[in-house]
Amino acid sequence: MIGGAVRPPTTQTGSVPVVHVILATDADWLVDEVVAALGGPDTTFTHCRDGRAVAGVVKGRTPDLVILDLQIGTMGGIAVTMDLRLDESGGTLPHVPILMLLDREADIHMARRSGADGWLIKPLDALRLRRASRAVAGGGCYAEGLPPVDEPEVAAEPEAEVAL
């Protein structure tokens, strides 16, 4: 859960646990937008300008959420996500929730295949960013740009006749 989106539950001592977010982007405007939307006294950020540094930062301090820009200089969000998921499957890193910031709807397929837990399509706004961060950090998924899935109707099972 992200401070500013949802206040995390308090501990037994009544204090609010600090939420840590890794933000990987080389765009200063995106850093400003994310920090403005999610920042608060109970949230800390680590900013990575180079996607290749993200796995090392995760090893140093496991975050509550990783937010990746699709295009990050030398190693973009798709490659970083695949790298983190590969390290997770090899047992060298824990599972970390990943929210990817996409440039267009055409990027959704790659985000899904890479193992991201959720994604937003730019341009961003604070409400969507908080909603997506809350969902992903809470263990769920947030998927923009996909048509809603209708739940198939389940036929009721015929009741068994009781023989007397």
N, C-alpha and C. Protein backbone atom coordinates (compact mmCIF):
# COMPACT_ATOMS: atom_id res chain seq x y z
N MET A 1 0.84 -1.17 0.00
CA MET A 1 0.00 0.00 0.00
C MET A 1 0.88 1.23 0.00
N ILE A 2 0.45 2.25 -0.63
CA ILE A 2 1.26 3.44 -0.81
C ILE A 2 0.70 4.58 0.01
N GLY A 3 1.56 5.27 0.72
CA GLY A 3 1.12 6.46 1.45
C GLY A 3 0.58 7.47 0.47
N GLY A 4 -0.49 8.12 0.83
CA GLY A 4 -1.13 9.05 -0.09
C GLY A 4 -2.27 8.37 -0.82
N ALA A 5 -2.15 7.07 -1.08
CA ALA A 5 -3.23 6.34 -1.72
C ALA A 5 -4.13 5.71 -0.66
N VAL A 6 -3.53 4.98 0.21
CA VAL A 6 -4.24 4.36 1.32
C VAL A 6 -3.28 4.36 2.49
N ARG A 7 -3.73 4.78 3.63
CA ARG A 7 -2.85 4.76 4.80
C ARG A 7 -2.68 3.32 5.24
N PRO A 8 -1.44 2.87 5.33
CA PRO A 8 -1.19 1.50 5.75
C PRO A 8 -1.69 1.27 7.16
N PRO A 9 -1.98 0.02 7.50
CA PRO A 9 -2.44 -0.26 8.86
C PRO A 9 -1.35 0.09 9.86
N THR A 10 -1.77 0.48 11.05
CA THR A 10 -0.79 0.81 12.07
C THR A 10 -0.26 -0.44 12.73
N THR A 11 0.91 -0.30 13.33
CA THR A 11 1.51 -1.41 14.05
C THR A 11 0.92 -1.47 15.45
N GLN A 12 1.34 -2.45 16.25
CA GLN A 12 0.82 -2.58 17.60
C GLN A 12 1.17 -1.37 18.46
N THR A 13 2.25 -0.70 18.14
CA THR A 13 2.64 0.49 18.90
C THR A 13 1.90 1.73 18.43
N GLY A 14 1.10 1.60 17.39
CA GLY A 14 0.33 2.73 16.88
C GLY A 14 1.03 3.52 15.79
N SER A 15 2.27 3.18 15.48
CA SER A 15 2.98 3.91 14.44
C SER A 15 2.60 3.36 13.07
N VAL A 16 2.77 4.20 12.07
CA VAL A 16 2.47 3.79 10.70
C VAL A 16 3.76 3.30 10.06
N PRO A 17 3.75 2.07 9.51
CA PRO A 17 4.98 1.57 8.89
C PRO A 17 5.31 2.39 7.64
N VAL A 18 6.59 2.55 7.42
CA VAL A 18 7.05 3.29 6.26
C VAL A 18 6.93 2.41 5.03
N VAL A 19 6.42 2.96 3.95
CA VAL A 19 6.27 2.26 2.68
C VAL A 19 7.40 2.72 1.77
N HIS A 20 8.09 1.75 1.15
CA HIS A 20 9.22 2.09 0.29
C HIS A 20 8.89 1.78 -1.17
N VAL A 21 9.13 2.75 -2.04
CA VAL A 21 8.84 2.63 -3.47
C VAL A 21 10.13 2.86 -4.24
N ILE A 22 10.41 1.96 -5.17
CA ILE A 22 11.51 2.19 -6.12
C ILE A 22 10.87 2.71 -7.41
N LEU A 23 11.35 3.84 -7.88
CA LEU A 23 10.87 4.44 -9.12
C LEU A 23 12.02 4.47 -10.11
N ALA A 24 11.87 3.78 -11.22
CA ALA A 24 12.92 3.73 -12.24
C ALA A 24 12.46 4.48 -13.48
N THR A 25 13.09 5.62 -13.70
CA THR A 25 12.82 6.44 -14.88
C THR A 25 13.97 7.43 -15.05
N ASP A 26 14.16 7.88 -16.27
CA ASP A 26 15.15 8.93 -16.49
C ASP A 26 14.46 10.25 -16.84
N ALA A 27 13.15 10.30 -16.66
CA ALA A 27 12.37 11.51 -16.95
C ALA A 27 12.04 12.24 -15.65
N ASP A 28 12.61 13.43 -15.47
CA ASP A 28 12.39 14.19 -14.25
C ASP A 28 10.92 14.55 -14.03
N TRP A 29 10.19 14.83 -15.10
CA TRP A 29 8.78 15.18 -14.96
C TRP A 29 7.98 14.01 -14.38
N LEU A 30 8.39 12.79 -14.71
CA LEU A 30 7.70 11.60 -14.21
C LEU A 30 7.99 11.40 -12.72
N VAL A 31 9.21 11.67 -12.31
CA VAL A 31 9.55 11.60 -10.88
C VAL A 31 8.68 12.59 -10.12
N ASP A 32 8.59 13.82 -10.61
CA ASP A 32 7.78 14.84 -9.95
C ASP A 32 6.33 14.41 -9.83
N GLU A 33 5.79 13.85 -10.90
CA GLU A 33 4.38 13.46 -10.92
C GLU A 33 4.10 12.31 -9.96
N VAL A 34 4.97 11.30 -9.93
CA VAL A 34 4.77 10.15 -9.06
C VAL A 34 4.93 10.54 -7.59
N VAL A 35 5.95 11.30 -7.28
CA VAL A 35 6.17 11.72 -5.90
C VAL A 35 5.03 12.62 -5.41
N ALA A 36 4.54 13.50 -6.26
CA ALA A 36 3.42 14.36 -5.89
C ALA A 36 2.15 13.53 -5.62
N ALA A 37 1.93 12.49 -6.41
CA ALA A 37 0.71 11.68 -6.26
C ALA A 37 0.80 10.71 -5.10
N LEU A 38 1.97 10.12 -4.87
CA LEU A 38 2.08 9.04 -3.89
C LEU A 38 2.84 9.42 -2.62
N GLY A 39 3.53 10.55 -2.66
CA GLY A 39 4.38 10.93 -1.54
C GLY A 39 3.60 11.28 -0.29
N GLY A 40 4.26 11.15 0.82
CA GLY A 40 3.69 11.49 2.12
C GLY A 40 4.70 11.18 3.19
N PRO A 41 4.37 11.48 4.45
CA PRO A 41 5.33 11.26 5.53
C PRO A 41 5.65 9.79 5.78
N ASP A 42 4.80 8.90 5.31
CA ASP A 42 5.02 7.46 5.52
C ASP A 42 5.52 6.76 4.26
N THR A 43 6.00 7.52 3.28
CA THR A 43 6.47 6.94 2.03
C THR A 43 7.88 7.41 1.74
N THR A 44 8.75 6.45 1.38
CA THR A 44 10.10 6.80 0.94
C THR A 44 10.26 6.33 -0.49
N PHE A 45 11.10 7.02 -1.24
CA PHE A 45 11.35 6.69 -2.64
C PHE A 45 12.84 6.49 -2.86
N THR A 46 13.16 5.53 -3.72
CA THR A 46 14.50 5.41 -4.27
C THR A 46 14.34 5.60 -5.77
N HIS A 47 15.06 6.56 -6.32
CA HIS A 47 14.96 6.86 -7.74
C HIS A 47 16.15 6.25 -8.47
N CYS A 48 15.88 5.40 -9.44
CA CYS A 48 16.92 4.80 -10.29
C CYS A 48 16.82 5.42 -11.68
N ARG A 49 17.88 6.04 -12.14
CA ARG A 49 17.89 6.60 -13.50
C ARG A 49 18.31 5.56 -14.52
N ASP A 50 18.89 4.47 -14.06
CA ASP A 50 19.38 3.42 -14.95
C ASP A 50 18.67 2.11 -14.59
N GLY A 51 17.99 1.53 -15.54
CA GLY A 51 17.25 0.29 -15.29
C GLY A 51 18.13 -0.86 -14.82
N ARG A 52 19.40 -0.84 -15.22
CA ARG A 52 20.32 -1.92 -14.82
C ARG A 52 20.58 -1.92 -13.32
N ALA A 53 20.32 -0.81 -12.65
CA ALA A 53 20.59 -0.70 -11.22
C ALA A 53 19.44 -1.22 -10.35
N VAL A 54 18.28 -1.46 -10.93
CA VAL A 54 17.09 -1.79 -10.14
C VAL A 54 17.26 -3.08 -9.35
N ALA A 55 17.74 -4.14 -9.97
CA ALA A 55 17.89 -5.42 -9.25
C ALA A 55 18.80 -5.28 -8.04
N GLY A 56 19.88 -4.54 -8.17
CA GLY A 56 20.79 -4.31 -7.05
C GLY A 56 20.13 -3.52 -5.93
N VAL A 57 19.31 -2.54 -6.29
CA VAL A 57 18.60 -1.76 -5.29
C VAL A 57 17.57 -2.63 -4.56
N VAL A 58 16.90 -3.50 -5.30
CA VAL A 58 15.94 -4.42 -4.69
C VAL A 58 16.66 -5.36 -3.73
N LYS A 59 17.84 -5.85 -4.11
CA LYS A 59 18.62 -6.71 -3.22
C LYS A 59 19.00 -5.99 -1.94
N GLY A 60 19.31 -4.71 -2.04
CA GLY A 60 19.71 -3.93 -0.89
C GLY A 60 18.58 -3.63 0.07
N ARG A 61 17.39 -3.40 -0.45
CA ARG A 61 16.22 -3.09 0.37
C ARG A 61 14.97 -3.46 -0.41
N THR A 62 14.30 -4.50 0.02
CA THR A 62 13.10 -4.96 -0.69
C THR A 62 12.01 -3.91 -0.58
N PRO A 63 11.52 -3.43 -1.73
CA PRO A 63 10.50 -2.38 -1.71
C PRO A 63 9.09 -2.96 -1.57
N ASP A 64 8.17 -2.09 -1.24
CA ASP A 64 6.75 -2.46 -1.21
C ASP A 64 6.16 -2.38 -2.61
N LEU A 65 6.79 -1.60 -3.47
CA LEU A 65 6.32 -1.42 -4.85
C LEU A 65 7.48 -0.93 -5.71
N VAL A 66 7.54 -1.46 -6.94
CA VAL A 66 8.49 -0.98 -7.94
C VAL A 66 7.67 -0.38 -9.07
N ILE A 67 7.95 0.87 -9.41
CA ILE A 67 7.28 1.54 -10.52
C ILE A 67 8.32 1.75 -11.60
N LEU A 68 8.04 1.21 -12.79
CA LEU A 68 8.99 1.25 -13.90
C LEU A 68 8.42 2.02 -15.09
N ASP A 69 9.19 2.94 -15.60
CA ASP A 69 8.84 3.60 -16.85
C ASP A 69 9.17 2.61 -17.98
N LEU A 70 8.38 2.62 -19.02
CA LEU A 70 8.63 1.71 -20.13
C LEU A 70 10.00 1.96 -20.75
N GLN A 71 10.35 3.23 -20.93
CA GLN A 71 11.63 3.57 -21.54
C GLN A 71 12.53 4.22 -20.49
N ILE A 72 13.57 3.48 -20.12
CA ILE A 72 14.54 3.97 -19.13
C ILE A 72 15.93 3.83 -19.75
N GLY A 73 16.36 4.79 -20.45
CA GLY A 73 17.73 4.80 -20.99
C GLY A 73 18.18 3.48 -21.58
N THR A 74 19.15 2.83 -20.92
CA THR A 74 19.78 1.65 -21.49
C THR A 74 19.06 0.34 -21.22
N MET A 75 18.15 0.31 -20.24
CA MET A 75 17.41 -0.92 -19.94
C MET A 75 16.00 -0.52 -19.52
N GLY A 76 15.04 -0.74 -20.40
CA GLY A 76 13.67 -0.30 -20.18
C GLY A 76 12.88 -1.16 -19.21
N GLY A 77 11.66 -0.74 -18.96
CA GLY A 77 10.79 -1.39 -17.99
C GLY A 77 10.51 -2.84 -18.28
N ILE A 78 10.37 -3.21 -19.54
CA ILE A 78 10.11 -4.61 -19.89
C ILE A 78 11.30 -5.47 -19.49
N ALA A 79 12.50 -5.05 -19.87
CA ALA A 79 13.70 -5.82 -19.55
C ALA A 79 13.95 -5.88 -18.04
N VAL A 80 13.69 -4.78 -17.33
CA VAL A 80 13.88 -4.77 -15.87
C VAL A 80 12.89 -5.75 -15.22
N THR A 81 11.64 -5.73 -15.67
CA THR A 81 10.64 -6.64 -15.11
C THR A 81 11.05 -8.09 -15.34
N MET A 82 11.48 -8.41 -16.56
CA MET A 82 11.90 -9.78 -16.86
C MET A 82 13.11 -10.17 -16.01
N ASP A 83 14.03 -9.23 -15.79
CA ASP A 83 15.20 -9.49 -14.97
C ASP A 83 14.80 -9.77 -13.52
N LEU A 84 13.89 -8.97 -12.97
CA LEU A 84 13.43 -9.18 -11.59
C LEU A 84 12.68 -10.50 -11.45
N ARG A 85 11.87 -10.84 -12.44
CA ARG A 85 11.12 -12.10 -12.38
C ARG A 85 12.06 -13.31 -12.53
N LEU A 86 13.09 -13.17 -13.33
CA LEU A 86 14.06 -14.25 -13.49
C LEU A 86 14.82 -14.46 -12.18
N ASP A 87 15.25 -13.36 -11.53
CA ASP A 87 15.93 -13.48 -10.25
C ASP A 87 14.99 -14.07 -9.19
N GLU A 88 13.72 -13.71 -9.26
CA GLU A 88 12.74 -14.27 -8.32
C GLU A 88 12.61 -15.78 -8.51
N SER A 89 12.50 -16.22 -9.76
CA SER A 89 12.34 -17.66 -10.02
C SER A 89 13.60 -18.43 -9.65
N GLY A 90 14.76 -17.77 -9.68
CA GLY A 90 16.01 -18.41 -9.29
C GLY A 90 16.26 -18.36 -7.79
N GLY A 91 15.37 -17.69 -7.06
CA GLY A 91 15.49 -17.63 -5.62
C GLY A 91 16.47 -16.59 -5.09
N THR A 92 16.96 -15.71 -5.95
CA THR A 92 17.92 -14.71 -5.49
C THR A 92 17.24 -13.40 -5.07
N LEU A 93 15.99 -13.20 -5.44
CA LEU A 93 15.22 -12.03 -5.03
C LEU A 93 13.83 -12.46 -4.62
N PRO A 94 13.20 -11.73 -3.70
CA PRO A 94 11.81 -12.01 -3.36
C PRO A 94 10.89 -11.45 -4.44
N HIS A 95 9.63 -11.84 -4.39
CA HIS A 95 8.65 -11.26 -5.32
C HIS A 95 8.44 -9.81 -4.92
N VAL A 96 8.51 -8.93 -5.89
CA VAL A 96 8.21 -7.51 -5.66
C VAL A 96 7.09 -7.11 -6.62
N PRO A 97 6.10 -6.38 -6.13
CA PRO A 97 5.02 -5.92 -6.99
C PRO A 97 5.54 -4.87 -7.97
N ILE A 98 5.19 -5.02 -9.24
CA ILE A 98 5.69 -4.12 -10.28
C ILE A 98 4.53 -3.45 -11.00
N LEU A 99 4.57 -2.12 -11.03
CA LEU A 99 3.62 -1.31 -11.79
C LEU A 99 4.41 -0.65 -12.92
N MET A 100 3.99 -0.89 -14.15
CA MET A 100 4.70 -0.33 -15.31
C MET A 100 3.91 0.84 -15.90
N LEU A 101 4.64 1.86 -16.31
CA LEU A 101 4.05 3.05 -16.92
C LEU A 101 4.30 2.98 -18.42
N LEU A 102 3.23 2.71 -19.16
CA LEU A 102 3.33 2.48 -20.61
C LEU A 102 3.11 3.76 -21.40
N ASP A 103 3.64 3.77 -22.61
CA ASP A 103 3.49 4.93 -23.49
C ASP A 103 2.22 4.87 -24.32
N ARG A 104 1.74 3.66 -24.63
CA ARG A 104 0.56 3.52 -25.51
C ARG A 104 -0.05 2.14 -25.30
N GLU A 105 -1.27 1.98 -25.79
CA GLU A 105 -1.97 0.70 -25.64
C GLU A 105 -1.24 -0.45 -26.31
N ALA A 106 -0.51 -0.17 -27.38
CA ALA A 106 0.21 -1.23 -28.09
C ALA A 106 1.27 -1.89 -27.22
N ASP A 107 1.65 -1.26 -26.11
CA ASP A 107 2.67 -1.82 -25.22
C ASP A 107 2.11 -2.80 -24.20
N ILE A 108 0.79 -2.93 -24.12
CA ILE A 108 0.16 -3.78 -23.11
C ILE A 108 0.61 -5.24 -23.24
N HIS A 109 0.67 -5.74 -24.44
CA HIS A 109 1.05 -7.15 -24.64
C HIS A 109 2.43 -7.43 -24.04
N MET A 110 3.38 -6.53 -24.26
CA MET A 110 4.73 -6.74 -23.72
C MET A 110 4.72 -6.65 -22.19
N ALA A 111 3.94 -5.75 -21.64
CA ALA A 111 3.86 -5.62 -20.17
C ALA A 111 3.29 -6.90 -19.56
N ARG A 112 2.27 -7.44 -20.18
CA ARG A 112 1.67 -8.70 -19.69
C ARG A 112 2.68 -9.84 -19.74
N ARG A 113 3.35 -9.97 -20.87
CA ARG A 113 4.29 -11.08 -21.07
C ARG A 113 5.52 -10.96 -20.17
N SER A 114 5.88 -9.75 -19.77
CA SER A 114 7.08 -9.57 -18.96
C SER A 114 6.87 -9.96 -17.50
N GLY A 115 5.62 -9.99 -17.06
CA GLY A 115 5.34 -10.36 -15.68
C GLY A 115 4.99 -9.20 -14.78
N ALA A 116 4.70 -8.03 -15.35
CA ALA A 116 4.28 -6.89 -14.54
C ALA A 116 2.95 -7.19 -13.88
N ASP A 117 2.78 -6.71 -12.65
CA ASP A 117 1.53 -6.93 -11.92
C ASP A 117 0.45 -5.94 -12.31
N GLY A 118 0.85 -4.86 -12.93
CA GLY A 118 -0.11 -3.87 -13.36
C GLY A 118 0.55 -2.83 -14.24
N TRP A 119 -0.27 -2.03 -14.91
CA TRP A 119 0.27 -0.99 -15.77
C TRP A 119 -0.75 0.11 -15.95
N LEU A 120 -0.22 1.29 -16.23
CA LEU A 120 -0.99 2.47 -16.56
C LEU A 120 -0.48 2.98 -17.90
N ILE A 121 -1.38 3.59 -18.65
CA ILE A 121 -1.00 4.17 -19.94
C ILE A 121 -0.92 5.69 -19.76
N LYS A 122 0.22 6.27 -20.13
CA LYS A 122 0.41 7.71 -20.02
C LYS A 122 -0.52 8.43 -21.01
N PRO A 123 -0.93 9.63 -20.71
CA PRO A 123 -0.55 10.48 -19.59
C PRO A 123 -1.19 10.01 -18.29
N LEU A 124 -0.49 10.29 -17.19
CA LEU A 124 -0.93 9.86 -15.87
C LEU A 124 -1.75 10.94 -15.19
N ASP A 125 -2.51 10.53 -14.21
CA ASP A 125 -3.12 11.48 -13.29
C ASP A 125 -3.04 10.86 -11.89
N ALA A 126 -3.11 11.69 -10.88
CA ALA A 126 -2.88 11.25 -9.51
C ALA A 126 -3.88 10.18 -9.07
N LEU A 127 -5.13 10.32 -9.43
CA LEU A 127 -6.15 9.37 -9.00
C LEU A 127 -5.87 7.97 -9.55
N ARG A 128 -5.59 7.87 -10.84
CA ARG A 128 -5.30 6.56 -11.44
C ARG A 128 -4.01 5.98 -10.88
N LEU A 129 -3.02 6.82 -10.68
CA LEU A 129 -1.74 6.36 -10.16
C LEU A 129 -1.90 5.81 -8.74
N ARG A 130 -2.65 6.50 -7.90
CA ARG A 130 -2.89 6.01 -6.53
C ARG A 130 -3.70 4.72 -6.55
N ARG A 131 -4.72 4.66 -7.39
CA ARG A 131 -5.55 3.45 -7.47
C ARG A 131 -4.73 2.25 -7.94
N ALA A 132 -3.93 2.43 -8.96
CA ALA A 132 -3.10 1.34 -9.48
C ALA A 132 -2.05 0.92 -8.47
N SER A 133 -1.41 1.88 -7.82
CA SER A 133 -0.38 1.58 -6.83
C SER A 133 -0.95 0.79 -5.66
N ARG A 134 -2.11 1.21 -5.20
CA ARG A 134 -2.78 0.51 -4.10
C ARG A 134 -3.08 -0.94 -4.49
N ALA A 135 -3.61 -1.13 -5.68
CA ALA A 135 -3.98 -2.48 -6.12
C ALA A 135 -2.75 -3.37 -6.24
N VAL A 136 -1.73 -2.89 -6.90
CA VAL A 136 -0.53 -3.70 -7.15
C VAL A 136 0.24 -3.96 -5.86
N ALA A 137 0.44 -2.93 -5.05
CA ALA A 137 1.17 -3.11 -3.79
C ALA A 137 0.41 -4.03 -2.84
N GLY A 138 -0.90 -4.06 -2.97
CA GLY A 138 -1.73 -4.92 -2.12
C GLY A 138 -1.81 -6.36 -2.61
N GLY A 139 -1.07 -6.68 -3.64
CA GLY A 139 -1.05 -8.06 -4.14
C GLY A 139 -1.99 -8.34 -5.29
N GLY A 140 -2.66 -7.30 -5.79
CA GLY A 140 -3.59 -7.49 -6.89
C GLY A 140 -2.98 -7.09 -8.22
N CYS A 141 -3.87 -6.81 -9.15
CA CYS A 141 -3.48 -6.44 -10.51
C CYS A 141 -4.23 -5.17 -10.89
N TYR A 142 -3.62 -4.36 -11.74
CA TYR A 142 -4.29 -3.19 -12.28
C TYR A 142 -3.94 -3.14 -13.75
N ALA A 143 -4.93 -3.32 -14.60
CA ALA A 143 -4.67 -3.43 -16.03
C ALA A 143 -5.53 -2.44 -16.80
N GLU A 144 -4.90 -1.40 -17.31
CA GLU A 144 -5.60 -0.45 -18.16
C GLU A 144 -5.53 -0.89 -19.60
N GLY A 145 -6.55 -0.50 -20.37
CA GLY A 145 -6.51 -0.72 -21.80
C GLY A 145 -7.02 -2.07 -22.26
N LEU A 146 -7.48 -2.89 -21.32
CA LEU A 146 -8.04 -4.19 -21.69
C LEU A 146 -9.55 -4.12 -21.59
N PRO A 147 -10.25 -4.75 -22.52
CA PRO A 147 -11.71 -4.73 -22.41
C PRO A 147 -12.14 -5.51 -21.17
N PRO A 148 -13.24 -5.09 -20.55
CA PRO A 148 -13.71 -5.82 -19.37
C PRO A 148 -14.09 -7.25 -19.76
N VAL A 149 -13.83 -8.14 -18.84
CA VAL A 149 -14.13 -9.55 -19.08
C VAL A 149 -15.47 -9.86 -18.44
N ASP A 150 -16.40 -10.34 -19.25
CA ASP A 150 -17.69 -10.75 -18.71
C ASP A 150 -17.52 -12.11 -18.06
N GLU A 151 -18.03 -12.21 -16.86
CA GLU A 151 -17.97 -13.50 -16.17
C GLU A 151 -18.97 -14.45 -16.86
N PRO A 152 -18.52 -15.64 -17.22
CA PRO A 152 -19.44 -16.58 -17.86
C PRO A 152 -20.51 -17.00 -16.85
N GLU A 153 -21.69 -17.16 -17.38
CA GLU A 153 -22.77 -17.61 -16.52
C GLU A 153 -22.56 -19.08 -16.20
N VAL A 154 -22.68 -19.39 -14.94
CA VAL A 154 -22.52 -20.76 -14.50
C VAL A 154 -23.90 -21.36 -14.33
N ALA A 155 -24.12 -22.43 -15.05
CA ALA A 155 -25.42 -23.09 -14.95
C ALA A 155 -25.56 -23.73 -13.58
N ALA A 156 -26.73 -23.56 -13.02
CA ALA A 156 -26.97 -24.14 -11.70
C ALA A 156 -27.00 -25.65 -11.83
N GLU A 157 -26.37 -26.29 -10.88
CA GLU A 157 -26.36 -27.77 -10.87
C GLU A 157 -27.76 -28.25 -10.51
N PRO A 158 -28.27 -29.23 -11.24
CA PRO A 158 -29.60 -29.75 -10.88
C PRO A 158 -29.51 -30.43 -9.51
N GLU A 159 -30.53 -30.18 -8.72
CA GLU A 159 -30.55 -30.80 -7.39
C GLU A 159 -30.83 -32.28 -7.53
N ALA A 160 -30.09 -33.02 -6.76
CA ALA A 160 -30.28 -34.48 -6.78
C ALA A 160 -31.59 -34.83 -6.10
N GLU A 161 -32.26 -35.76 -6.70
CA GLU A 161 -33.53 -36.21 -6.10
C GLU A 161 -33.23 -37.16 -4.96
N VAL A 162 -33.91 -36.96 -3.89
CA VAL A 162 -33.70 -37.81 -2.72
C VAL A 162 -34.67 -38.97 -2.81
N ALA A 163 -34.12 -40.16 -2.78
CA ALA A 163 -34.97 -41.38 -2.83
C ALA A 163 -35.41 -41.70 -1.41
N LEU A 164 -36.66 -41.91 -1.24
CA LEU A 164 -37.18 -42.28 0.08
C LEU A 164 -37.44 -43.74 0.19
